């Protein structure tokens, strides 16, 4: 993603990356499909609660959604310490090889 992405662009890209329809995402967030469309078209902005919900659903930080941070975070919620170590080592290896 580039720096000119809006929160709507990020929501749309993350939603499509998870193969979610606007309808499915709206149900998970407890909002209307029209509101998801409005977010993606930058005619409305998510409330604090919806922003947190998006962060949880997509496993990204709110800073990432808001464009404050270009780096996506990987949630390690629910993983054991050894699993976290494995994920960390895997990410480090990908960074060394470029992908």
Protein backbone atom coordinates (compact mmCIF):
# COMPACT_ATOMS: atom_id res chain seq x y z
CA UNK A 1 0.00 0.00 0.00
CA UNK A 2 1.20 3.47 -0.72
CA UNK A 3 0.98 6.58 1.43
CA UNK A 4 -1.95 8.06 -0.48
CA UNK A 5 -4.33 5.30 0.58
CA UNK A 6 -7.32 6.41 2.60
CA UNK A 7 -8.86 4.44 5.42
CA UNK A 8 -11.52 3.42 2.90
CA UNK A 9 -8.89 2.06 0.52
CA UNK A 10 -7.35 0.07 3.35
CA UNK A 11 -10.70 -1.33 4.47
CA UNK A 12 -11.57 -2.34 0.90
CA UNK A 13 -8.18 -3.96 0.26
CA UNK A 14 -8.23 -5.85 3.57
CA UNK A 15 -11.85 -6.94 3.00
CA UNK A 16 -11.12 -8.21 -0.50
CA UNK A 17 -7.92 -9.88 0.74
CA UNK A 18 -10.07 -11.91 3.12
CA UNK A 19 -12.64 -12.61 0.39
CA UNK A 20 -15.35 -10.89 2.43
CA UNK A 21 -18.30 -9.16 0.86
CA UNK A 22 -19.45 -5.81 2.18
CA UNK A 23 -22.55 -7.64 3.47
CA UNK A 24 -20.54 -10.18 5.47
CA UNK A 25 -18.25 -7.50 6.90
CA UNK A 26 -21.24 -5.34 7.82
CA UNK A 27 -22.83 -8.23 9.74
CA UNK A 28 -19.59 -8.94 11.62
CA UNK A 29 -19.35 -5.28 12.60
CA UNK A 30 -23.04 -4.76 13.32
CA UNK A 31 -23.45 -1.98 10.75
CA UNK A 32 -25.24 -1.74 7.42
CA UNK A 33 -23.76 -2.72 4.07
CA UNK A 34 -24.38 0.86 2.94
CA UNK A 35 -22.16 2.10 5.75
CA UNK A 36 -19.32 -0.23 4.69
CA UNK A 37 -19.67 1.16 1.18
CA UNK A 38 -19.58 4.69 2.58
CA UNK A 39 -16.38 3.90 4.49
CA UNK A 40 -14.76 2.47 1.38
CA UNK A 41 -15.80 5.48 -0.71
CA UNK A 42 -14.63 7.93 1.98
CA UNK A 43 -18.06 9.51 2.38
CA UNK A 44 -18.24 8.35 6.03
CA UNK A 45 -15.67 7.39 8.61
CA UNK A 46 -15.86 4.54 11.12
CA UNK A 47 -16.68 5.25 14.74
CA UNK A 48 -14.18 4.33 17.42
CA UNK A 49 -15.97 1.02 18.09
CA UNK A 50 -16.11 0.12 14.40
CA UNK A 51 -12.44 1.04 13.98
CA UNK A 52 -11.55 -1.34 16.81
CA UNK A 53 -13.75 -4.03 15.24
CA UNK A 54 -12.01 -3.63 11.89
CA UNK A 55 -8.65 -3.84 13.62
CA UNK A 56 -9.68 -7.08 15.32
CA UNK A 57 -11.25 -8.65 12.20
CA UNK A 58 -8.25 -7.88 9.98
CA UNK A 59 -5.54 -8.34 12.65
CA UNK A 60 -4.04 -4.93 11.98
CA UNK A 61 -3.46 -1.94 14.21
CA UNK A 62 -5.76 1.05 14.22
CA UNK A 63 -2.71 3.11 13.25
CA UNK A 64 -2.41 0.98 10.12
CA UNK A 65 -6.07 1.52 9.25
CA UNK A 66 -5.72 5.25 9.82
CA UNK A 67 -2.60 5.47 7.66
CA UNK A 68 -0.33 6.43 10.56
CA UNK A 69 1.72 3.27 10.20
CA UNK A 70 2.65 1.66 6.89
CA UNK A 71 3.59 -1.61 8.56
CA UNK A 72 0.94 -4.24 9.09
CA UNK A 73 1.11 -5.98 12.43
CA UNK A 74 0.63 -9.69 12.90
CA UNK A 75 -1.51 -10.61 15.86
CA UNK A 76 -0.03 -13.29 18.06
CA UNK A 77 -3.12 -13.40 20.26
CA UNK A 78 -3.73 -16.96 21.43
CA UNK A 79 -0.33 -18.31 20.39
CA UNK A 80 2.09 -20.02 22.72
CA UNK A 81 5.51 -18.50 23.33
CA UNK A 82 7.15 -21.12 21.10
CA UNK A 83 4.66 -20.41 18.31
CA UNK A 84 5.39 -16.69 18.59
CA UNK A 85 9.13 -17.43 18.36
CA UNK A 86 8.51 -19.54 15.24
CA UNK A 87 6.42 -16.81 13.56
CA UNK A 88 9.06 -14.22 14.44
CA UNK A 89 11.83 -16.38 12.96
CA UNK A 90 9.78 -16.97 9.82
CA UNK A 91 9.17 -13.24 9.33
CA UNK A 92 12.88 -12.53 9.85
CA UNK A 93 13.77 -15.13 7.25
CA UNK A 94 11.36 -13.63 4.71
CA UNK A 95 12.82 -10.18 5.37
CA UNK A 96 16.33 -11.48 4.66
CA UNK A 97 15.30 -13.06 1.36
CA UNK A 98 12.97 -10.28 0.25
CA UNK A 99 9.79 -12.19 0.29
